[in-house]
Amino acid sequence: TALAPADHIVNPNRPDDLSGLSDCAAVGVAFIVMVGLM
């Protein structure tokens, strides 16, 4: 409900995320982010 004061937080279950990826485990989210990094 309240986000930590990190520089950047990727979390499909944060209140303002509209990605529709809320069912992903953290490892699924991490994989998607790593695709973005590459």
PDB file of all heavy atoms in Angstrom:
ATOM      1  N   THR A   1       0.828  -1.205   0.000  1.00  0.00           N
ATOM      2  CA  THR A   1       0.000   0.000   0.000  1.00  0.00           C
ATOM      3  C   THR A   1       0.863   1.256   0.000  1.00  0.00           C
ATOM      4  O   THR A   1       0.495   2.270  -0.588  1.00  0.00           O
ATOM      5  CB  THR A   1      -0.926   0.004   1.227  1.00  0.00           C
ATOM      6  OG1 THR A   1      -0.137  -0.187   2.415  1.00  0.00           O
ATOM      7  CG2 THR A   1      -1.942  -1.127   1.119  1.00  0.00           C
ATOM      8  N   ALA A   2       2.020   1.185   0.668  1.00  0.00           N
ATOM      9  CA  ALA A   2       2.948   2.323   0.703  1.00  0.00           C
ATOM     10  C   ALA A   2       4.302   1.855   0.177  1.00  0.00           C
ATOM     11  O   ALA A   2       4.865   0.865   0.660  1.00  0.00           O
ATOM     12  CB  ALA A   2       3.090   2.851   2.132  1.00  0.00           C
ATOM     13  N   LEU A   3       4.820   2.562  -0.822  1.00  0.00           N
ATOM     14  CA  LEU A   3       6.081   2.179  -1.442  1.00  0.00           C
ATOM     15  C   LEU A   3       7.274   2.703  -0.649  1.00  0.00           C
ATOM     16  O   LEU A   3       7.253   3.818  -0.116  1.00  0.00           O
ATOM     17  CB  LEU A   3       6.151   2.711  -2.866  1.00  0.00           C
ATOM     18  CG  LEU A   3       5.174   2.095  -3.876  1.00  0.00           C
ATOM     19  CD1 LEU A   3       5.273   2.835  -5.207  1.00  0.00           C
ATOM     20  CD2 LEU A   3       5.453   0.617  -4.073  1.00  0.00           C
ATOM     21  N   ALA A   4       8.309   1.892  -0.588  1.00  0.00           N
ATOM     22  CA  ALA A   4       9.570   2.325   0.015  1.00  0.00           C
ATOM     23  C   ALA A   4      10.177   3.449  -0.831  1.00  0.00           C
ATOM     24  O   ALA A   4       9.910   3.556  -2.027  1.00  0.00           O
ATOM     25  CB  ALA A   4      10.533   1.152   0.102  1.00  0.00           C
ATOM     26  N   PRO A   5      11.030   4.290  -0.218  1.00  0.00           N
ATOM     27  CA  PRO A   5      11.610   5.428  -0.956  1.00  0.00           C
ATOM     28  C   PRO A   5      12.797   5.035  -1.831  1.00  0.00           C
ATOM     29  O   PRO A   5      13.836   5.712  -1.835  1.00  0.00           O
ATOM     30  CB  PRO A   5      12.024   6.371   0.172  1.00  0.00           C
ATOM     31  CG  PRO A   5      12.373   5.463   1.311  1.00  0.00           C
ATOM     32  CD  PRO A   5      11.385   4.329   1.221  1.00  0.00           C
ATOM     33  N   ALA A   6      12.644   3.939  -2.577  1.00  0.00           N
ATOM     34  CA  ALA A   6      13.715   3.492  -3.474  1.00  0.00           C
ATOM     35  C   ALA A   6      13.798   4.416  -4.684  1.00  0.00           C
ATOM     36  O   ALA A   6      12.861   5.156  -4.989  1.00  0.00           O
ATOM     37  CB  ALA A   6      13.454   2.057  -3.915  1.00  0.00           C
ATOM     38  N   ASP A   7      14.900   4.345  -5.398  1.00  0.00           N
ATOM     39  CA  ASP A   7      15.032   5.171  -6.602  1.00  0.00           C
ATOM     40  C   ASP A   7      14.028   4.737  -7.659  1.00  0.00           C
ATOM     41  O   ASP A   7      13.361   5.583  -8.269  1.00  0.00           O
ATOM     42  CB  ASP A   7      16.467   5.057  -7.130  1.00  0.00           C
ATOM     43  CG  ASP A   7      17.463   5.721  -6.200  1.00  0.00           C
ATOM     44  OD1 ASP A   7      17.913   5.054  -5.246  1.00  0.00           O
ATOM     45  OD2 ASP A   7      17.773   6.899  -6.410  1.00  0.00           O
ATOM     46  N   HIS A   8      13.928   3.419  -7.874  1.00  0.00           N
ATOM     47  CA  HIS A   8      12.976   2.910  -8.853  1.00  0.00           C
ATOM     48  C   HIS A   8      12.461   1.557  -8.379  1.00  0.00           C
ATOM     49  O   HIS A   8      13.250   0.700  -7.967  1.00  0.00           O
ATOM     50  CB  HIS A   8      13.626   2.760 -10.231  1.00  0.00           C
ATOM     51  CG  HIS A   8      14.280   4.016 -10.728  1.00  0.00           C
ATOM     52  ND1 HIS A   8      13.574   5.158 -11.031  1.00  0.00           N
ATOM     53  CD2 HIS A   8      15.589   4.311 -10.951  1.00  0.00           C
ATOM     54  CE1 HIS A   8      14.411   6.111 -11.421  1.00  0.00           C
ATOM     55  NE2 HIS A   8      15.647   5.613 -11.380  1.00  0.00           N
ATOM     56  N   ILE A   9      11.158   1.357  -8.446  1.00  0.00           N
ATOM     57  CA  ILE A   9      10.525   0.105  -8.030  1.00  0.00           C
ATOM     58  C   ILE A   9       9.699  -0.439  -9.180  1.00  0.00           C
ATOM     59  O   ILE A   9       8.773   0.222  -9.662  1.00  0.00           O
ATOM     60  CB  ILE A   9       9.616   0.298  -6.796  1.00  0.00           C
ATOM     61  CG1 ILE A   9      10.431   0.766  -5.592  1.00  0.00           C
ATOM     62  CG2 ILE A   9       8.874  -0.990  -6.470  1.00  0.00           C
ATOM     63  CD1 ILE A   9       9.592   1.058  -4.353  1.00  0.00           C
ATOM     64  N   VAL A  10      10.053  -1.636  -9.627  1.00  0.00           N
ATOM     65  CA  VAL A  10       9.240  -2.338 -10.621  1.00  0.00           C
ATOM     66  C   VAL A  10       8.464  -3.425  -9.887  1.00  0.00           C
ATOM     67  O   VAL A  10       9.054  -4.345  -9.310  1.00  0.00           O
ATOM     68  CB  VAL A  10      10.106  -2.955 -11.737  1.00  0.00           C
ATOM     69  CG1 VAL A  10       9.250  -3.794 -12.681  1.00  0.00           C
ATOM     70  CG2 VAL A  10      10.828  -1.861 -12.515  1.00  0.00           C
ATOM     71  N   ASN A  11       7.166  -3.295  -9.892  1.00  0.00           N
ATOM     72  CA  ASN A  11       6.298  -4.228  -9.182  1.00  0.00           C
ATOM     73  C   ASN A  11       4.922  -4.175  -9.837  1.00  0.00           C
ATOM     74  O   ASN A  11       4.219  -3.170  -9.715  1.00  0.00           O
ATOM     75  CB  ASN A  11       6.201  -3.853  -7.705  1.00  0.00           C
ATOM     76  CG  ASN A  11       5.346  -4.830  -6.900  1.00  0.00           C
ATOM     77  OD1 ASN A  11       4.579  -5.609  -7.456  1.00  0.00           O
ATOM     78  ND2 ASN A  11       5.470  -4.790  -5.583  1.00  0.00           N
ATOM     79  N   PRO A  12       4.519  -5.235 -10.539  1.00  0.00           N
ATOM     80  CA  PRO A  12       3.219  -5.195 -11.205  1.00  0.00           C
ATOM     81  C   PRO A  12       2.043  -5.109 -10.252  1.00  0.00           C
ATOM     82  O   PRO A  12       0.909  -4.869 -10.690  1.00  0.00           O
ATOM     83  CB  PRO A  12       3.194  -6.515 -11.989  1.00  0.00           C
ATOM     84  CG  PRO A  12       4.147  -7.403 -11.278  1.00  0.00           C
ATOM     85  CD  PRO A  12       5.223  -6.505 -10.746  1.00  0.00           C
ATOM     86  N   ASN A  13       2.301  -5.269  -8.941  1.00  0.00           N
ATOM     87  CA  ASN A  13       1.232  -5.142  -7.949  1.00  0.00           C
ATOM     88  C   ASN A  13       1.298  -3.824  -7.176  1.00  0.00           C
ATOM     89  O   ASN A  13       0.587  -3.667  -6.180  1.00  0.00           O
ATOM     90  CB  ASN A  13       1.289  -6.324  -6.980  1.00  0.00           C
ATOM     91  CG  ASN A  13       0.704  -7.587  -7.592  1.00  0.00           C
ATOM     92  OD1 ASN A  13      -0.468  -7.636  -7.931  1.00  0.00           O
ATOM     93  ND2 ASN A  13       1.531  -8.604  -7.751  1.00  0.00           N
ATOM     94  N   ARG A  14       2.128  -2.895  -7.635  1.00  0.00           N
ATOM     95  CA  ARG A  14       2.092  -1.573  -7.013  1.00  0.00           C
ATOM     96  C   ARG A  14       0.815  -0.867  -7.487  1.00  0.00           C
ATOM     97  O   ARG A  14       0.322  -1.128  -8.603  1.00  0.00           O
ATOM     98  CB  ARG A  14       3.341  -0.756  -7.319  1.00  0.00           C
ATOM     99  CG  ARG A  14       3.629  -0.521  -8.769  1.00  0.00           C
ATOM    100  CD  ARG A  14       4.932   0.232  -8.992  1.00  0.00           C
ATOM    101  NE  ARG A  14       4.804   1.661  -8.716  1.00  0.00           N
ATOM    102  CZ  ARG A  14       5.803   2.539  -8.765  1.00  0.00           C
ATOM    103  NH1 ARG A  14       7.046   2.108  -9.064  1.00  0.00           N
ATOM    104  NH2 ARG A  14       5.605   3.807  -8.520  1.00  0.00           N
ATOM    105  N   PRO A  15       0.252   0.022  -6.700  1.00  0.00           N
ATOM    106  CA  PRO A  15      -1.063   0.582  -7.024  1.00  0.00           C
ATOM    107  C   PRO A  15      -1.142   1.288  -8.368  1.00  0.00           C
ATOM    108  O   PRO A  15      -2.217   1.311  -8.987  1.00  0.00           O
ATOM    109  CB  PRO A  15      -1.313   1.564  -5.865  1.00  0.00           C
ATOM    110  CG  PRO A  15      -0.500   1.032  -4.733  1.00  0.00           C
ATOM    111  CD  PRO A  15       0.726   0.450  -5.357  1.00  0.00           C
ATOM    112  N   ASP A  16      -0.040   1.874  -8.842  1.00  0.00           N
ATOM    113  CA  ASP A  16      -0.105   2.657 -10.078  1.00  0.00           C
ATOM    114  C   ASP A  16       0.394   1.893 -11.299  1.00  0.00           C
ATOM    115  O   ASP A  16       0.638   2.485 -12.354  1.00  0.00           O
ATOM    116  CB  ASP A  16       0.711   3.949  -9.923  1.00  0.00           C
ATOM    117  CG  ASP A  16       2.173   3.688  -9.594  1.00  0.00           C
ATOM    118  OD1 ASP A  16       2.497   2.551  -9.206  1.00  0.00           O
ATOM    119  OD2 ASP A  16       2.977   4.623  -9.711  1.00  0.00           O
ATOM    120  N   ASP A  17       0.534   0.584 -11.196  1.00  0.00           N
ATOM    121  CA  ASP A  17       1.001  -0.206 -12.344  1.00  0.00           C
ATOM    122  C   ASP A  17      -0.202  -0.714 -13.131  1.00  0.00           C
ATOM    123  O   ASP A  17      -1.138  -1.290 -12.573  1.00  0.00           O
ATOM    124  CB  ASP A  17       1.843  -1.396 -11.882  1.00  0.00           C
ATOM    125  CG  ASP A  17       2.464  -2.146 -13.052  1.00  0.00           C
ATOM    126  OD1 ASP A  17       1.769  -3.005 -13.641  1.00  0.00           O
ATOM    127  OD2 ASP A  17       3.627  -1.859 -13.384  1.00  0.00           O
ATOM    128  N   LEU A  18      -0.172  -0.514 -14.442  1.00  0.00           N
ATOM    129  CA  LEU A  18      -1.268  -0.921 -15.316  1.00  0.00           C
ATOM    130  C   LEU A  18      -0.828  -1.963 -16.334  1.00  0.00           C
ATOM    131  O   LEU A  18      -1.476  -2.142 -17.374  1.00  0.00           O
ATOM    132  CB  LEU A  18      -1.827   0.312 -16.045  1.00  0.00           C
ATOM    133  CG  LEU A  18      -2.321   1.456 -15.154  1.00  0.00           C
ATOM    134  CD1 LEU A  18      -2.758   2.638 -16.013  1.00  0.00           C
ATOM    135  CD2 LEU A  18      -3.466   0.985 -14.257  1.00  0.00           C
ATOM    136  N   SER A  19       0.255  -2.679 -16.044  1.00  0.00           N
ATOM    137  CA  SER A  19       0.809  -3.623 -17.010  1.00  0.00           C
ATOM    138  C   SER A  19      -0.050  -4.872 -17.201  1.00  0.00           C
ATOM    139  O   SER A  19       0.069  -5.561 -18.215  1.00  0.00           O
ATOM    140  CB  SER A  19       2.216  -4.049 -16.580  1.00  0.00           C
ATOM    141  OG  SER A  19       2.163  -4.797 -15.366  1.00  0.00           O
ATOM    142  N   GLY A  20      -0.865  -5.194 -16.213  1.00  0.00           N
ATOM    143  CA  GLY A  20      -1.639  -6.424 -16.280  1.00  0.00           C
ATOM    144  C   GLY A  20      -0.821  -7.667 -15.987  1.00  0.00           C
ATOM    145  O   GLY A  20      -1.249  -8.784 -16.288  1.00  0.00           O
ATOM    146  N   LEU A  21       0.358  -7.513 -15.372  1.00  0.00           N
ATOM    147  CA  LEU A  21       1.256  -8.639 -15.106  1.00  0.00           C
ATOM    148  C   LEU A  21       1.259  -9.028 -13.626  1.00  0.00           C
ATOM    149  O   LEU A  21       2.224  -9.595 -13.125  1.00  0.00           O
ATOM    150  CB  LEU A  21       2.674  -8.285 -15.553  1.00  0.00           C
ATOM    151  CG  LEU A  21       2.827  -7.991 -17.046  1.00  0.00           C
ATOM    152  CD1 LEU A  21       4.225  -7.454 -17.351  1.00  0.00           C
ATOM    153  CD2 LEU A  21       2.542  -9.239 -17.872  1.00  0.00           C
ATOM    154  N   SER A  22       0.162  -8.749 -12.937  1.00  0.00           N
ATOM    155  CA  SER A  22       0.126  -8.970 -11.491  1.00  0.00           C
ATOM    156  C   SER A  22       0.242 -10.434 -11.102  1.00  0.00           C
ATOM    157  O   SER A  22       0.546 -10.749  -9.949  1.00  0.00           O
ATOM    158  CB  SER A  22      -1.167  -8.394 -10.907  1.00  0.00           C
ATOM    159  OG  SER A  22      -2.306  -8.996 -11.519  1.00  0.00           O
ATOM    160  N   ASP A  23       0.007 -11.361 -12.027  1.00  0.00           N
ATOM    161  CA  ASP A  23       0.109 -12.781 -11.710  1.00  0.00           C
ATOM    162  C   ASP A  23       1.544 -13.304 -11.747  1.00  0.00           C
ATOM    163  O   ASP A  23       1.793 -14.444 -11.344  1.00  0.00           O
ATOM    164  CB  ASP A  23      -0.729 -13.605 -12.694  1.00  0.00           C
ATOM    165  CG  ASP A  23      -2.227 -13.472 -12.436  1.00  0.00           C
ATOM    166  OD1 ASP A  23      -2.601 -13.072 -11.323  1.00  0.00           O
ATOM    167  OD2 ASP A  23      -3.015 -13.770 -13.355  1.00  0.00           O
ATOM    168  N   CYS A  24       2.473 -12.525 -12.223  1.00  0.00           N
ATOM    169  CA  CYS A  24       3.854 -13.006 -12.346  1.00  0.00           C
ATOM    170  C   CYS A  24       4.521 -13.144 -10.981  1.00  0.00           C
ATOM    171  O   CYS A  24       4.317 -12.316 -10.080  1.00  0.00           O
ATOM    172  CB  CYS A  24       4.687 -12.048 -13.199  1.00  0.00           C
ATOM    173  SG  CYS A  24       4.348 -12.142 -14.974  1.00  0.00           S
ATOM    174  N   ALA A  25       5.331 -14.177 -10.837  1.00  0.00           N
ATOM    175  CA  ALA A  25       6.225 -14.265  -9.688  1.00  0.00           C
ATOM    176  C   ALA A  25       7.336 -13.238  -9.868  1.00  0.00           C
ATOM    177  O   ALA A  25       7.509 -12.664 -10.945  1.00  0.00           O
ATOM    178  CB  ALA A  25       6.811 -15.672  -9.589  1.00  0.00           C
ATOM    179  N   ALA A  26       8.102 -13.021  -8.818  1.00  0.00           N
ATOM    180  CA  ALA A  26       9.202 -12.056  -8.924  1.00  0.00           C
ATOM    181  C   ALA A  26      10.176 -12.464 -10.016  1.00  0.00           C
ATOM    182  O   ALA A  26      10.712 -11.618 -10.741  1.00  0.00           O
ATOM    183  CB  ALA A  26       9.921 -11.933  -7.580  1.00  0.00           C
ATOM    184  N   VAL A  27      10.401 -13.778 -10.167  1.00  0.00           N
ATOM    185  CA  VAL A  27      11.353 -14.225 -11.186  1.00  0.00           C
ATOM    186  C   VAL A  27      10.828 -13.937 -12.583  1.00  0.00           C
ATOM    187  O   VAL A  27      11.609 -13.630 -13.498  1.00  0.00           O
ATOM    188  CB  VAL A  27      11.678 -15.723 -11.010  1.00  0.00           C
ATOM    189  CG1 VAL A  27      10.470 -16.603 -11.324  1.00  0.00           C
ATOM    190  CG2 VAL A  27      12.865 -16.116 -11.865  1.00  0.00           C
ATOM    191  N   GLY A  28       9.520 -13.999 -12.777  1.00  0.00           N
ATOM    192  CA  GLY A  28       8.953 -13.635 -14.068  1.00  0.00           C
ATOM    193  C   GLY A  28       9.128 -12.159 -14.353  1.00  0.00           C
ATOM    194  O   GLY A  28       9.470 -11.763 -15.474  1.00  0.00           O
ATOM    195  N   VAL A  29       8.897 -11.336 -13.331  1.00  0.00           N
ATOM    196  CA  VAL A  29       9.108  -9.895 -13.482  1.00  0.00           C
ATOM    197  C   VAL A  29      10.581  -9.613 -13.761  1.00  0.00           C
ATOM    198  O   VAL A  29      10.921  -8.804 -14.634  1.00  0.00           O
ATOM    199  CB  VAL A  29       8.640  -9.147 -12.214  1.00  0.00           C
ATOM    200  CG1 VAL A  29       8.835  -7.638 -12.383  1.00  0.00           C
ATOM    201  CG2 VAL A  29       7.177  -9.452 -11.917  1.00  0.00           C
ATOM    202  N   ALA A  30      11.460 -10.296 -13.038  1.00  0.00           N
ATOM    203  CA  ALA A  30      12.902 -10.085 -13.233  1.00  0.00           C
ATOM    204  C   ALA A  30      13.310 -10.439 -14.657  1.00  0.00           C
ATOM    205  O   ALA A  30      14.121  -9.734 -15.280  1.00  0.00           O
ATOM    206  CB  ALA A  30      13.695 -10.923 -12.232  1.00  0.00           C
ATOM    207  N   PHE A  31      12.763 -11.518 -15.189  1.00  0.00           N
ATOM    208  CA  PHE A  31      13.103 -11.910 -16.557  1.00  0.00           C
ATOM    209  C   PHE A  31      12.660 -10.839 -17.547  1.00  0.00           C
ATOM    210  O   PHE A  31      13.417 -10.475 -18.464  1.00  0.00           O
ATOM    211  CB  PHE A  31      12.437 -13.251 -16.890  1.00  0.00           C
ATOM    212  CG  PHE A  31      12.714 -13.729 -18.287  1.00  0.00           C
ATOM    213  CD1 PHE A  31      13.914 -14.349 -18.598  1.00  0.00           C
ATOM    214  CD2 PHE A  31      11.781 -13.549 -19.297  1.00  0.00           C
ATOM    215  CE1 PHE A  31      14.179 -14.792 -19.888  1.00  0.00           C
ATOM    216  CE2 PHE A  31      12.028 -13.989 -20.589  1.00  0.00           C
ATOM    217  CZ  PHE A  31      13.235 -14.608 -20.889  1.00  0.00           C
ATOM    218  N   ILE A  32      11.460 -10.319 -17.368  1.00  0.00           N
ATOM    219  CA  ILE A  32      10.960  -9.274 -18.268  1.00  0.00           C
ATOM    220  C   ILE A  32      11.846  -8.030 -18.178  1.00  0.00           C
ATOM    221  O   ILE A  32      12.189  -7.415 -19.196  1.00  0.00           O
ATOM    222  CB  ILE A  32       9.496  -8.935 -17.919  1.00  0.00           C
ATOM    223  CG1 ILE A  32       8.594 -10.157 -18.184  1.00  0.00           C
ATOM    224  CG2 ILE A  32       8.998  -7.733 -18.729  1.00  0.00           C
ATOM    225  CD1 ILE A  32       7.204 -10.023 -17.619  1.00  0.00           C
ATOM    226  N   VAL A  33      12.239  -7.663 -16.958  1.00  0.00           N
ATOM    227  CA  VAL A  33      13.113  -6.494 -16.784  1.00  0.00           C
ATOM    228  C   VAL A  33      14.468  -6.743 -17.442  1.00  0.00           C
ATOM    229  O   VAL A  33      15.046  -5.842 -18.072  1.00  0.00           O
ATOM    230  CB  VAL A  33      13.273  -6.160 -15.289  1.00  0.00           C
ATOM    231  CG1 VAL A  33      14.298  -5.035 -15.097  1.00  0.00           C
ATOM    232  CG2 VAL A  33      11.932  -5.741 -14.686  1.00  0.00           C
ATOM    233  N   MET A  34      14.992  -7.958 -17.326  1.00  0.00           N
ATOM    234  CA  MET A  34      16.285  -8.259 -17.950  1.00  0.00           C
ATOM    235  C   MET A  34      16.197  -8.209 -19.475  1.00  0.00           C
ATOM    236  O   MET A  34      17.161  -7.820 -20.148  1.00  0.00           O
ATOM    237  CB  MET A  34      16.789  -9.622 -17.493  1.00  0.00           C
ATOM    238  CG  MET A  34      17.207  -9.681 -16.021  1.00  0.00           C
ATOM    239  SD  MET A  34      18.518  -8.492 -15.573  1.00  0.00           S
ATOM    240  CE  MET A  34      17.539  -7.158 -14.842  1.00  0.00           C
ATOM    241  N   VAL A  35      15.051  -8.583 -20.027  1.00  0.00           N
ATOM    242  CA  VAL A  35      14.844  -8.403 -21.472  1.00  0.00           C
ATOM    243  C   VAL A  35      14.936  -6.919 -21.810  1.00  0.00           C
ATOM    244  O   VAL A  35      15.550  -6.521 -22.809  1.00  0.00           O
ATOM    245  CB  VAL A  35      13.488  -8.990 -21.902  1.00  0.00           C
ATOM    246  CG1 VAL A  35      13.146  -8.594 -23.343  1.00  0.00           C
ATOM    247  CG2 VAL A  35      13.500 -10.514 -21.775  1.00  0.00           C
ATOM    248  N   GLY A  36      14.354  -6.092 -20.951  1.00  0.00           N
ATOM    249  CA  GLY A  36      14.454  -4.647 -21.151  1.00  0.00           C
ATOM    250  C   GLY A  36      15.879  -4.143 -21.019  1.00  0.00           C
ATOM    251  O   GLY A  36      16.306  -3.245 -21.757  1.00  0.00           O
ATOM    252  N   LEU A  37      16.641  -4.734 -20.084  1.00  0.00           N
ATOM    253  CA  LEU A  37      18.042  -4.327 -19.917  1.00  0.00           C
ATOM    254  C   LEU A  37      18.848  -4.662 -21.167  1.00  0.00           C
ATOM    255  O   LEU A  37      19.659  -3.836 -21.634  1.00  0.00           O
ATOM    256  CB  LEU A  37      18.639  -5.012 -18.694  1.00  0.00           C
ATOM    257  CG  LEU A  37      20.135  -4.759 -18.463  1.00  0.00           C
ATOM    258  CD1 LEU A  37      20.408  -3.284 -18.180  1.00  0.00           C
ATOM    259  CD2 LEU A  37      20.657  -5.634 -17.310  1.00  0.00           C
ATOM    260  N   MET A  38      18.663  -5.851 -21.698  1.00  0.00           N
ATOM    261  CA  MET A  38      19.407  -6.227 -22.900  1.00  0.00           C
ATOM    262  C   MET A  38      19.037  -5.325 -24.074  1.00  0.00           C
ATOM    263  O   MET A  38      19.894  -4.952 -24.893  1.00  0.00           O
ATOM    264  CB  MET A  38      19.130  -7.699 -23.242  1.00  0.00           C
ATOM    265  CG  MET A  38      19.616  -8.669 -22.176  1.00  0.00           C
ATOM    266  SD  MET A  38      21.415  -8.624 -21.917  1.00  0.00           S
ATOM    267  CE  MET A  38      21.951  -9.768 -23.192  1.00  0.00           C
TER     268      MET A  38
END
